[in-house]
Amino acid sequence: MADLEILQLLLHGNQLKRTARTGWVQRGVANAEDVAAHSYGVTFGVLVLAQVIPTKLDMQKALVMAILHDLPEGVTTDIPTPAWHYLPPGIKTDVERGAMDSILGDVPFAPELMAIWEELHQGQTPEALLVHDADKLDMYLQALMYEQQTGNHQLVEFWRNPHHFSFPEVQTIFDRLLSLRNEEYAKG
């Protein structure tokens, strides 16, 4: 019976390949990335950024967090950030927790994965903070790519109130990215 439960979990993960990142779609990006592509970007970001920060990390835990961070969206879809502002505080985490419970079901390792997901959402450990930084940095990298590839000026709002990154090294990388973007816009 565990085989069926594991198969169901794998199918939920596969659903992310068909779940659009709605923030891009709402802003007119044709062929916008899906949640699986974003999750890869976050995971790769964690792998790279962990090499440049001085803080010791449990790399396995950080990578697991990155892989799991948007798994609930296979059920909830990618509800854009502005929509959450109209809902009660804390509801996003509650909804995603319910989705995670449903997705993980009764697989034997569900408690371990759920604990790692909860740690990510508490946002207190270096691993969780790095995943959050990688998540935001991936969004900015993708916004720049879409701007360069399509000339889409509806993405300017992503840059108006930049995220403050937890690790100074990641903030420096973002600052360089923002500087490169601004130079491109100044050219025309």
N, C-alpha and C. Protein backbone atom coordinates (compact mmCIF):
# COMPACT_ATOMS: atom_id res chain seq x y z
N MET A 1 0.82 -1.20 0.00
CA MET A 1 0.00 0.00 0.00
C MET A 1 0.86 1.26 0.00
N ALA A 2 2.03 1.20 0.59
CA ALA A 2 2.91 2.37 0.60
C ALA A 2 3.30 2.77 -0.82
N ASP A 3 3.38 1.79 -1.74
CA ASP A 3 3.73 2.10 -3.12
C ASP A 3 2.71 3.05 -3.74
N LEU A 4 1.43 2.81 -3.48
CA LEU A 4 0.38 3.67 -4.02
C LEU A 4 0.48 5.08 -3.43
N GLU A 5 0.74 5.17 -2.14
CA GLU A 5 0.87 6.48 -1.48
C GLU A 5 2.07 7.24 -2.02
N ILE A 6 3.16 6.54 -2.24
CA ILE A 6 4.36 7.20 -2.80
C ILE A 6 4.09 7.64 -4.23
N LEU A 7 3.41 6.79 -5.01
CA LEU A 7 3.04 7.17 -6.37
C LEU A 7 2.18 8.43 -6.36
N GLN A 8 1.21 8.52 -5.46
CA GLN A 8 0.36 9.71 -5.36
C GLN A 8 1.18 10.95 -5.02
N LEU A 9 2.16 10.81 -4.14
CA LEU A 9 3.03 11.93 -3.79
C LEU A 9 3.83 12.37 -5.01
N LEU A 10 4.37 11.42 -5.75
CA LEU A 10 5.12 11.76 -6.96
C LEU A 10 4.23 12.46 -7.99
N LEU A 11 3.00 12.03 -8.11
CA LEU A 11 2.07 12.68 -9.04
C LEU A 11 1.77 14.12 -8.61
N HIS A 12 1.68 14.36 -7.30
CA HIS A 12 1.48 15.74 -6.82
C HIS A 12 2.68 16.60 -7.20
N GLY A 13 3.86 16.07 -7.02
CA GLY A 13 5.06 16.82 -7.41
C GLY A 13 5.07 17.10 -8.90
N ASN A 14 4.65 16.12 -9.68
CA ASN A 14 4.60 16.28 -11.14
C ASN A 14 3.62 17.37 -11.54
N GLN A 15 2.57 17.57 -10.76
CA GLN A 15 1.57 18.59 -11.06
C GLN A 15 2.19 19.99 -11.15
N LEU A 16 3.28 20.21 -10.44
CA LEU A 16 3.93 21.53 -10.47
C LEU A 16 4.43 21.89 -11.86
N LYS A 17 4.65 20.89 -12.71
CA LYS A 17 5.08 21.14 -14.08
C LYS A 17 3.96 21.75 -14.91
N ARG A 18 2.74 21.66 -14.42
CA ARG A 18 1.58 22.19 -15.15
C ARG A 18 0.90 23.32 -14.39
N THR A 19 1.52 23.79 -13.34
CA THR A 19 0.94 24.86 -12.53
C THR A 19 1.68 26.16 -12.84
N ALA A 20 1.02 27.06 -13.52
CA ALA A 20 1.65 28.31 -13.96
C ALA A 20 1.94 29.22 -12.77
N ARG A 21 2.98 30.00 -12.91
CA ARG A 21 3.26 31.07 -11.96
C ARG A 21 2.37 32.25 -12.36
N THR A 22 1.29 32.43 -11.63
CA THR A 22 0.25 33.37 -12.06
C THR A 22 0.69 34.83 -12.04
N GLY A 23 1.65 35.18 -11.22
CA GLY A 23 2.13 36.56 -11.21
C GLY A 23 2.64 36.99 -12.57
N TRP A 24 3.32 36.08 -13.25
CA TRP A 24 3.84 36.39 -14.59
C TRP A 24 2.69 36.44 -15.60
N VAL A 25 1.81 35.48 -15.50
CA VAL A 25 0.68 35.39 -16.44
C VAL A 25 -0.17 36.66 -16.33
N GLN A 26 -0.44 37.11 -15.11
CA GLN A 26 -1.26 38.31 -14.91
C GLN A 26 -0.61 39.55 -15.51
N ARG A 27 0.69 39.52 -15.68
CA ARG A 27 1.41 40.67 -16.21
C ARG A 27 1.76 40.50 -17.68
N GLY A 28 1.08 39.58 -18.32
CA GLY A 28 1.20 39.47 -19.77
C GLY A 28 2.40 38.71 -20.28
N VAL A 29 3.05 37.92 -19.45
CA VAL A 29 4.19 37.13 -19.91
C VAL A 29 3.65 35.88 -20.60
N ALA A 30 3.92 35.78 -21.89
CA ALA A 30 3.51 34.59 -22.64
C ALA A 30 4.45 33.44 -22.30
N ASN A 31 3.92 32.25 -22.23
CA ASN A 31 4.72 31.06 -21.92
C ASN A 31 5.50 31.22 -20.61
N ALA A 32 4.82 31.72 -19.60
CA ALA A 32 5.46 31.96 -18.30
C ALA A 32 5.91 30.64 -17.69
N GLU A 33 6.93 30.74 -16.86
CA GLU A 33 7.45 29.54 -16.20
C GLU A 33 6.37 28.90 -15.33
N ASP A 34 6.52 27.62 -15.09
CA ASP A 34 5.64 26.92 -14.18
C ASP A 34 6.30 26.85 -12.80
N VAL A 35 5.55 26.37 -11.83
CA VAL A 35 6.05 26.31 -10.46
C VAL A 35 7.25 25.36 -10.36
N ALA A 36 7.26 24.30 -11.15
CA ALA A 36 8.39 23.36 -11.11
C ALA A 36 9.68 24.06 -11.56
N ALA A 37 9.60 24.88 -12.60
CA ALA A 37 10.78 25.61 -13.06
C ALA A 37 11.27 26.56 -11.98
N HIS A 38 10.34 27.24 -11.33
CA HIS A 38 10.71 28.14 -10.23
C HIS A 38 11.34 27.35 -9.09
N SER A 39 10.76 26.22 -8.75
CA SER A 39 11.31 25.40 -7.66
C SER A 39 12.73 24.96 -7.98
N TYR A 40 12.99 24.63 -9.25
CA TYR A 40 14.36 24.30 -9.64
C TYR A 40 15.26 25.52 -9.44
N GLY A 41 14.80 26.70 -9.86
CA GLY A 41 15.60 27.91 -9.68
C GLY A 41 15.92 28.18 -8.23
N VAL A 42 14.96 27.96 -7.35
CA VAL A 42 15.19 28.16 -5.92
C VAL A 42 16.19 27.13 -5.39
N THR A 43 16.02 25.88 -5.79
CA THR A 43 16.92 24.83 -5.33
C THR A 43 18.34 25.08 -5.82
N PHE A 44 18.49 25.44 -7.08
CA PHE A 44 19.81 25.76 -7.61
C PHE A 44 20.38 26.98 -6.91
N GLY A 45 19.53 27.97 -6.64
CA GLY A 45 19.98 29.16 -5.91
C GLY A 45 20.49 28.81 -4.53
N VAL A 46 19.80 27.93 -3.83
CA VAL A 46 20.26 27.50 -2.50
C VAL A 46 21.63 26.84 -2.62
N LEU A 47 21.79 25.97 -3.60
CA LEU A 47 23.06 25.27 -3.81
C LEU A 47 24.20 26.27 -4.02
N VAL A 48 23.97 27.27 -4.85
CA VAL A 48 25.01 28.25 -5.16
C VAL A 48 25.22 29.22 -4.00
N LEU A 49 24.13 29.77 -3.48
CA LEU A 49 24.26 30.79 -2.43
C LEU A 49 24.86 30.23 -1.15
N ALA A 50 24.63 28.95 -0.89
CA ALA A 50 25.22 28.33 0.31
C ALA A 50 26.74 28.37 0.26
N GLN A 51 27.29 28.47 -0.96
CA GLN A 51 28.74 28.50 -1.11
C GLN A 51 29.34 29.86 -0.80
N VAL A 52 28.51 30.91 -0.81
CA VAL A 52 29.04 32.26 -0.64
C VAL A 52 28.69 32.89 0.70
N ILE A 53 27.87 32.22 1.49
CA ILE A 53 27.57 32.76 2.82
C ILE A 53 28.45 32.06 3.85
N PRO A 54 28.87 32.76 4.88
CA PRO A 54 29.77 32.16 5.87
C PRO A 54 29.06 31.24 6.88
N THR A 55 27.76 31.31 6.93
CA THR A 55 27.00 30.53 7.90
C THR A 55 27.03 29.04 7.54
N LYS A 56 27.31 28.22 8.53
CA LYS A 56 27.26 26.77 8.32
C LYS A 56 25.80 26.33 8.21
N LEU A 57 25.54 25.50 7.22
CA LEU A 57 24.17 25.04 6.96
C LEU A 57 24.12 23.53 6.92
N ASP A 58 22.96 23.01 7.19
CA ASP A 58 22.66 21.62 6.89
C ASP A 58 22.16 21.65 5.44
N MET A 59 23.08 21.36 4.51
CA MET A 59 22.78 21.50 3.09
C MET A 59 21.64 20.59 2.66
N GLN A 60 21.60 19.39 3.18
CA GLN A 60 20.52 18.49 2.80
C GLN A 60 19.17 19.08 3.21
N LYS A 61 19.09 19.60 4.41
CA LYS A 61 17.83 20.19 4.87
C LYS A 61 17.46 21.41 4.03
N ALA A 62 18.43 22.25 3.71
CA ALA A 62 18.16 23.44 2.90
C ALA A 62 17.64 23.05 1.52
N LEU A 63 18.23 22.03 0.91
CA LEU A 63 17.78 21.61 -0.41
C LEU A 63 16.40 20.97 -0.35
N VAL A 64 16.13 20.21 0.71
CA VAL A 64 14.79 19.63 0.87
C VAL A 64 13.76 20.75 1.04
N MET A 65 14.09 21.76 1.84
CA MET A 65 13.18 22.90 2.00
C MET A 65 12.89 23.56 0.66
N ALA A 66 13.94 23.75 -0.14
CA ALA A 66 13.77 24.40 -1.43
C ALA A 66 12.86 23.58 -2.34
N ILE A 67 13.05 22.27 -2.33
CA ILE A 67 12.22 21.40 -3.17
C ILE A 67 10.77 21.43 -2.72
N LEU A 68 10.55 21.47 -1.40
CA LEU A 68 9.19 21.42 -0.86
C LEU A 68 8.49 22.77 -0.83
N HIS A 69 9.23 23.87 -0.96
CA HIS A 69 8.68 25.18 -0.60
C HIS A 69 7.37 25.52 -1.31
N ASP A 70 7.19 25.13 -2.55
CA ASP A 70 5.95 25.44 -3.27
C ASP A 70 5.12 24.20 -3.60
N LEU A 71 5.43 23.06 -3.01
CA LEU A 71 4.69 21.84 -3.29
C LEU A 71 3.18 22.00 -3.09
N PRO A 72 2.72 22.73 -2.08
CA PRO A 72 1.26 22.88 -1.92
C PRO A 72 0.57 23.51 -3.13
N GLU A 73 1.31 24.26 -3.94
CA GLU A 73 0.70 24.93 -5.08
C GLU A 73 0.20 23.95 -6.14
N GLY A 74 0.64 22.70 -6.06
CA GLY A 74 0.08 21.68 -6.94
C GLY A 74 -1.40 21.45 -6.65
N VAL A 75 -1.84 21.81 -5.44
CA VAL A 75 -3.24 21.70 -5.03
C VAL A 75 -3.90 23.08 -5.01
N THR A 76 -3.22 24.06 -4.42
CA THR A 76 -3.83 25.38 -4.24
C THR A 76 -3.69 26.27 -5.46
N THR A 77 -2.84 25.92 -6.38
CA THR A 77 -2.36 26.74 -7.49
C THR A 77 -1.48 27.85 -6.92
N ASP A 78 -0.91 28.62 -7.80
CA ASP A 78 -0.06 29.74 -7.39
C ASP A 78 -0.95 30.97 -7.25
N ILE A 79 -1.43 31.17 -6.05
CA ILE A 79 -2.29 32.33 -5.79
C ILE A 79 -1.37 33.54 -5.65
N PRO A 80 -1.56 34.56 -6.47
CA PRO A 80 -0.64 35.69 -6.46
C PRO A 80 -0.68 36.46 -5.14
N THR A 81 0.46 37.01 -4.80
CA THR A 81 0.63 37.73 -3.53
C THR A 81 -0.46 38.77 -3.27
N PRO A 82 -0.84 39.60 -4.26
CA PRO A 82 -1.88 40.60 -3.97
C PRO A 82 -3.18 39.98 -3.45
N ALA A 83 -3.52 38.79 -3.91
CA ALA A 83 -4.77 38.16 -3.47
C ALA A 83 -4.73 37.82 -1.99
N TRP A 84 -3.56 37.41 -1.50
CA TRP A 84 -3.45 37.02 -0.09
C TRP A 84 -3.67 38.22 0.84
N HIS A 85 -3.44 39.42 0.34
CA HIS A 85 -3.63 40.62 1.17
C HIS A 85 -5.11 40.84 1.54
N TYR A 86 -6.01 40.23 0.78
CA TYR A 86 -7.44 40.39 1.04
C TYR A 86 -8.01 39.27 1.91
N LEU A 87 -7.14 38.36 2.30
CA LEU A 87 -7.58 37.23 3.12
C LEU A 87 -7.09 37.41 4.55
N PRO A 88 -7.66 36.70 5.49
CA PRO A 88 -7.25 36.85 6.90
C PRO A 88 -5.77 36.53 7.10
N PRO A 89 -5.13 37.23 8.03
CA PRO A 89 -3.72 36.97 8.32
C PRO A 89 -3.51 35.50 8.70
N GLY A 90 -2.43 34.93 8.19
CA GLY A 90 -2.09 33.56 8.53
C GLY A 90 -2.80 32.51 7.71
N ILE A 91 -3.77 32.92 6.91
CA ILE A 91 -4.56 31.93 6.16
C ILE A 91 -3.72 31.23 5.10
N LYS A 92 -2.77 31.93 4.52
CA LYS A 92 -1.93 31.33 3.47
C LYS A 92 -1.21 30.11 4.02
N THR A 93 -0.57 30.27 5.17
CA THR A 93 0.16 29.14 5.76
C THR A 93 -0.80 28.04 6.17
N ASP A 94 -1.95 28.40 6.71
CA ASP A 94 -2.94 27.39 7.11
C ASP A 94 -3.42 26.58 5.89
N VAL A 95 -3.72 27.27 4.81
CA VAL A 95 -4.19 26.61 3.59
C VAL A 95 -3.09 25.71 3.04
N GLU A 96 -1.87 26.23 2.98
CA GLU A 96 -0.77 25.44 2.45
C GLU A 96 -0.44 24.25 3.37
N ARG A 97 -0.58 24.42 4.67
CA ARG A 97 -0.36 23.31 5.61
C ARG A 97 -1.38 22.20 5.34
N GLY A 98 -2.62 22.57 5.13
CA GLY A 98 -3.64 21.58 4.80
C GLY A 98 -3.33 20.86 3.50
N ALA A 99 -2.87 21.62 2.52
CA ALA A 99 -2.49 21.01 1.24
C ALA A 99 -1.32 20.05 1.43
N MET A 100 -0.33 20.46 2.22
CA MET A 100 0.82 19.59 2.48
C MET A 100 0.38 18.31 3.17
N ASP A 101 -0.50 18.42 4.15
CA ASP A 101 -1.03 17.22 4.83
C ASP A 101 -1.68 16.28 3.83
N SER A 102 -2.47 16.85 2.93
CA SER A 102 -3.15 16.05 1.92
C SER A 102 -2.16 15.42 0.94
N ILE A 103 -1.21 16.20 0.49
CA ILE A 103 -0.22 15.72 -0.48
C ILE A 103 0.64 14.62 0.11
N LEU A 104 1.13 14.82 1.33
CA LEU A 104 2.01 13.83 1.94
C LEU A 104 1.25 12.58 2.35
N GLY A 105 -0.02 12.75 2.67
CA GLY A 105 -0.85 11.60 3.02
C GLY A 105 -0.22 10.74 4.09
N ASP A 106 -0.21 9.46 3.85
CA ASP A 106 0.29 8.51 4.84
C ASP A 106 1.63 7.89 4.44
N VAL A 107 2.39 8.60 3.59
CA VAL A 107 3.70 8.03 3.26
C VAL A 107 4.51 7.93 4.55
N PRO A 108 5.34 6.91 4.67
CA PRO A 108 6.06 6.67 5.93
C PRO A 108 6.95 7.83 6.37
N PHE A 109 7.41 8.63 5.43
CA PHE A 109 8.33 9.72 5.76
C PHE A 109 7.62 11.07 5.81
N ALA A 110 6.30 11.07 5.81
CA ALA A 110 5.53 12.32 5.86
C ALA A 110 5.88 13.19 7.07
N PRO A 111 6.02 12.62 8.27
CA PRO A 111 6.33 13.48 9.42
C PRO A 111 7.66 14.23 9.27
N GLU A 112 8.66 13.59 8.70
CA GLU A 112 9.96 14.26 8.52
C GLU A 112 9.86 15.39 7.52
N LEU A 113 9.17 15.14 6.40
CA LEU A 113 9.03 16.19 5.39
C LEU A 113 8.17 17.34 5.91
N MET A 114 7.12 17.01 6.63
CA MET A 114 6.26 18.06 7.19
C MET A 114 7.02 18.90 8.19
N ALA A 115 7.87 18.29 9.00
CA ALA A 115 8.66 19.04 9.97
C ALA A 115 9.61 20.01 9.27
N ILE A 116 10.20 19.57 8.18
CA ILE A 116 11.10 20.45 7.43
C ILE A 116 10.31 21.60 6.80
N TRP A 117 9.13 21.30 6.26
CA TRP A 117 8.28 22.34 5.68
C TRP A 117 7.87 23.35 6.75
N GLU A 118 7.51 22.86 7.93
CA GLU A 118 7.13 23.75 9.04
C GLU A 118 8.31 24.63 9.45
N GLU A 119 9.49 24.06 9.50
CA GLU A 119 10.69 24.84 9.84
C GLU A 119 10.89 25.96 8.82
N LEU A 120 10.68 25.64 7.56
CA LEU A 120 10.80 26.67 6.52
C LEU A 120 9.82 27.81 6.78
N HIS A 121 8.58 27.46 7.12
CA HIS A 121 7.56 28.50 7.32
C HIS A 121 7.73 29.28 8.61
N GLN A 122 8.43 28.72 9.57
CA GLN A 122 8.75 29.49 10.77
C GLN A 122 9.83 30.51 10.48
N GLY A 123 10.67 30.23 9.50
CA GLY A 123 11.65 31.20 9.01
C GLY A 123 12.69 31.64 10.02
N GLN A 124 13.10 30.75 10.89
CA GLN A 124 14.04 31.13 11.95
C GLN A 124 15.45 30.58 11.75
N THR A 125 15.57 29.45 11.08
CA THR A 125 16.88 28.80 10.95
C THR A 125 17.63 29.36 9.73
N PRO A 126 18.95 29.22 9.73
CA PRO A 126 19.71 29.68 8.56
C PRO A 126 19.25 29.02 7.26
N GLU A 127 18.88 27.74 7.34
CA GLU A 127 18.41 27.05 6.15
C GLU A 127 17.13 27.68 5.62
N ALA A 128 16.19 27.95 6.50
CA ALA A 128 14.93 28.57 6.09
C ALA A 128 15.16 29.97 5.53
N LEU A 129 16.01 30.73 6.17
CA LEU A 129 16.30 32.09 5.70
C LEU A 129 16.95 32.06 4.33
N LEU A 130 17.85 31.10 4.11
CA LEU A 130 18.50 31.01 2.80
C LEU A 130 17.49 30.62 1.72
N VAL A 131 16.59 29.70 2.02
CA VAL A 131 15.58 29.32 1.03
C VAL A 131 14.69 30.52 0.70
N HIS A 132 14.31 31.29 1.69
CA HIS A 132 13.50 32.49 1.43
C HIS A 132 14.28 33.48 0.57
N ASP A 133 15.57 33.65 0.86
CA ASP A 133 16.40 34.54 0.03
C ASP A 133 16.47 34.02 -1.40
N ALA A 134 16.72 32.71 -1.56
CA ALA A 134 16.82 32.13 -2.89
C ALA A 134 15.50 32.24 -3.64
N ASP A 135 14.38 32.11 -2.94
CA ASP A 135 13.06 32.23 -3.54
C ASP A 135 12.88 33.63 -4.13
N LYS A 136 13.20 34.65 -3.36
CA LYS A 136 13.04 36.02 -3.84
C LYS A 136 14.04 36.34 -4.95
N LEU A 137 15.28 35.90 -4.77
CA LEU A 137 16.29 36.18 -5.79
C LEU A 137 15.90 35.53 -7.12
N ASP A 138 15.37 34.31 -7.08
CA ASP A 138 14.94 33.66 -8.31
C ASP A 138 13.84 34.46 -8.99
N MET A 139 12.93 35.03 -8.22
CA MET A 139 11.86 35.85 -8.79
C MET A 139 12.46 37.06 -9.53
N TYR A 140 13.44 37.71 -8.90
CA TYR A 140 14.06 38.88 -9.54
C TYR A 140 14.85 38.48 -10.78
N LEU A 141 15.56 37.36 -10.72
CA LEU A 141 16.29 36.89 -11.89
C LEU A 141 15.32 36.64 -13.04
N GLN A 142 14.19 36.00 -12.73
CA GLN A 142 13.21 35.69 -13.77
C GLN A 142 12.58 36.97 -14.31
N ALA A 143 12.30 37.93 -13.44
CA ALA A 143 11.74 39.20 -13.91
C ALA A 143 12.70 39.88 -14.88
N LEU A 144 13.97 39.88 -14.56
CA LEU A 144 14.95 40.49 -15.45
C LEU A 144 14.99 39.75 -16.79
N MET A 145 14.97 38.43 -16.74
CA MET A 145 14.98 37.64 -17.99
C MET A 145 13.76 37.97 -18.84
N TYR A 146 12.60 38.05 -18.22
CA TYR A 146 11.39 38.38 -18.99
C TYR A 146 11.47 39.80 -19.54
N GLU A 147 11.97 40.73 -18.77
CA GLU A 147 12.10 42.10 -19.27
C GLU A 147 13.05 42.14 -20.47
N GLN A 148 14.17 41.45 -20.36
CA GLN A 148 15.14 41.44 -21.45
C GLN A 148 14.59 40.75 -22.70
N GLN A 149 13.91 39.64 -22.49
CA GLN A 149 13.43 38.84 -23.62
C GLN A 149 12.21 39.43 -24.31
N THR A 150 11.35 40.08 -23.53
CA THR A 150 10.07 40.51 -24.09
C THR A 150 9.87 42.01 -24.08
N GLY A 151 10.68 42.74 -23.34
CA GLY A 151 10.45 44.18 -23.20
C GLY A 151 9.21 44.50 -22.39
N ASN A 152 8.72 43.54 -21.63
CA ASN A 152 7.49 43.70 -20.84
C ASN A 152 7.74 44.71 -19.72
N HIS A 153 7.09 45.85 -19.83
CA HIS A 153 7.26 46.91 -18.83
C HIS A 153 6.27 46.79 -17.67
N GLN A 154 5.39 45.79 -17.72
CA GLN A 154 4.48 45.56 -16.60
C GLN A 154 5.19 44.94 -15.41
N LEU A 155 6.44 44.55 -15.58
CA LEU A 155 7.18 43.90 -14.50
C LEU A 155 7.91 44.91 -13.62
N VAL A 156 7.85 46.18 -13.96
CA VAL A 156 8.55 47.20 -13.19
C VAL A 156 8.11 47.21 -11.73
N GLU A 157 6.86 46.81 -11.48
CA GLU A 157 6.37 46.82 -10.10
C GLU A 157 7.16 45.88 -9.19
N PHE A 158 7.77 44.84 -9.76
CA PHE A 158 8.55 43.91 -8.94
C PHE A 158 9.77 44.60 -8.33
N TRP A 159 10.22 45.66 -8.98
CA TRP A 159 11.45 46.32 -8.56
C TRP A 159 11.20 47.54 -7.66
N ARG A 160 9.96 47.97 -7.51
CA ARG A 160 9.65 49.21 -6.77
C ARG A 160 10.00 49.14 -5.29
N ASN A 161 9.66 48.08 -4.64
CA ASN A 161 9.95 47.91 -3.21
C ASN A 161 10.74 46.62 -3.03
N PRO A 162 12.03 46.68 -3.32
CA PRO A 162 12.82 45.45 -3.31
C PRO A 162 12.82 44.77 -1.94
N HIS A 163 12.87 43.47 -2.02
CA HIS A 163 12.96 42.62 -0.83
C HIS A 163 14.28 42.90 -0.10
N HIS A 164 14.25 42.85 1.22
CA HIS A 164 15.49 42.93 2.00
C HIS A 164 15.92 41.50 2.31
N PHE A 165 17.10 41.14 1.88
CA PHE A 165 17.59 39.77 2.02
C PHE A 165 18.21 39.55 3.39
N SER A 166 18.08 38.35 3.90
CA SER A 166 18.58 38.00 5.24
C SER A 166 20.09 37.94 5.31
N PHE A 167 20.71 37.46 4.24
CA PHE A 167 22.17 37.32 4.23
C PHE A 167 22.78 38.46 3.44
N PRO A 168 23.75 39.17 4.03
CA PRO A 168 24.37 40.30 3.32
C PRO A 168 24.97 39.91 1.98
N GLU A 169 25.49 38.71 1.89
CA GLU A 169 26.09 38.25 0.64
C GLU A 169 25.04 38.13 -0.46
N VAL A 170 23.85 37.70 -0.10
CA VAL A 170 22.76 37.61 -1.08
C VAL A 170 22.27 39.01 -1.42
N GLN A 171 22.21 39.88 -0.43
CA GLN A 171 21.83 41.27 -0.70
C GLN A 171 22.79 41.91 -1.69
N THR A 172 24.07 41.64 -1.55
CA THR A 172 25.08 42.18 -2.47
C THR A 172 24.85 41.67 -3.89
N ILE A 173 24.54 40.40 -4.01
CA ILE A 173 24.26 39.82 -5.33
C ILE A 173 23.01 40.47 -5.93
N PHE A 174 21.98 40.65 -5.11
CA PHE A 174 20.77 41.32 -5.60
C PHE A 174 21.08 42.75 -6.01
N ASP A 175 21.85 43.46 -5.19
CA ASP A 175 22.20 44.85 -5.52
C ASP A 175 22.91 44.93 -6.86
N ARG A 176 23.77 43.96 -7.14
CA ARG A 176 24.47 43.92 -8.43
C ARG A 176 23.46 43.67 -9.55
N LEU A 177 22.52 42.76 -9.32
CA LEU A 177 21.49 42.47 -10.30
C LEU A 177 20.65 43.72 -10.58
N LEU A 178 20.27 44.41 -9.54
CA LEU A 178 19.47 45.63 -9.69
C LEU A 178 20.26 46.70 -10.45
N SER A 179 21.53 46.82 -10.15
CA SER A 179 22.38 47.78 -10.84
C SER A 179 22.47 47.46 -12.33
N LEU A 180 22.65 46.18 -12.66
CA LEU A 180 22.70 45.77 -14.07
C LEU A 180 21.38 46.08 -14.77
N ARG A 181 20.27 45.81 -14.09
CA ARG A 181 18.96 46.10 -14.66
C ARG A 181 18.80 47.59 -14.91
N ASN A 182 19.17 48.41 -13.93
CA ASN A 182 19.02 49.85 -14.07
C ASN A 182 19.90 50.40 -15.18
N GLU A 183 21.09 49.83 -15.35
CA GLU A 183 21.97 50.26 -16.46
C GLU A 183 21.31 49.95 -17.79
N GLU A 184 20.70 48.79 -17.90
CA GLU A 184 20.03 48.42 -19.15
C GLU A 184 18.87 49.36 -19.44
N TYR A 185 18.10 49.71 -18.39
CA TYR A 185 16.97 50.61 -18.60
C TYR A 185 17.44 52.01 -18.97
N ALA A 186 18.59 52.44 -18.41
CA ALA A 186 19.12 53.75 -18.73
C ALA A 186 19.55 53.83 -20.20
N LYS A 187 20.03 52.71 -20.74
CA LYS A 187 20.45 52.66 -22.15
C LYS A 187 19.25 52.73 -23.09
N GLY A 188 18.15 52.22 -22.60
CA GLY A 188 17.04 52.40 -23.39
C GLY A 188 16.07 51.54 -23.90
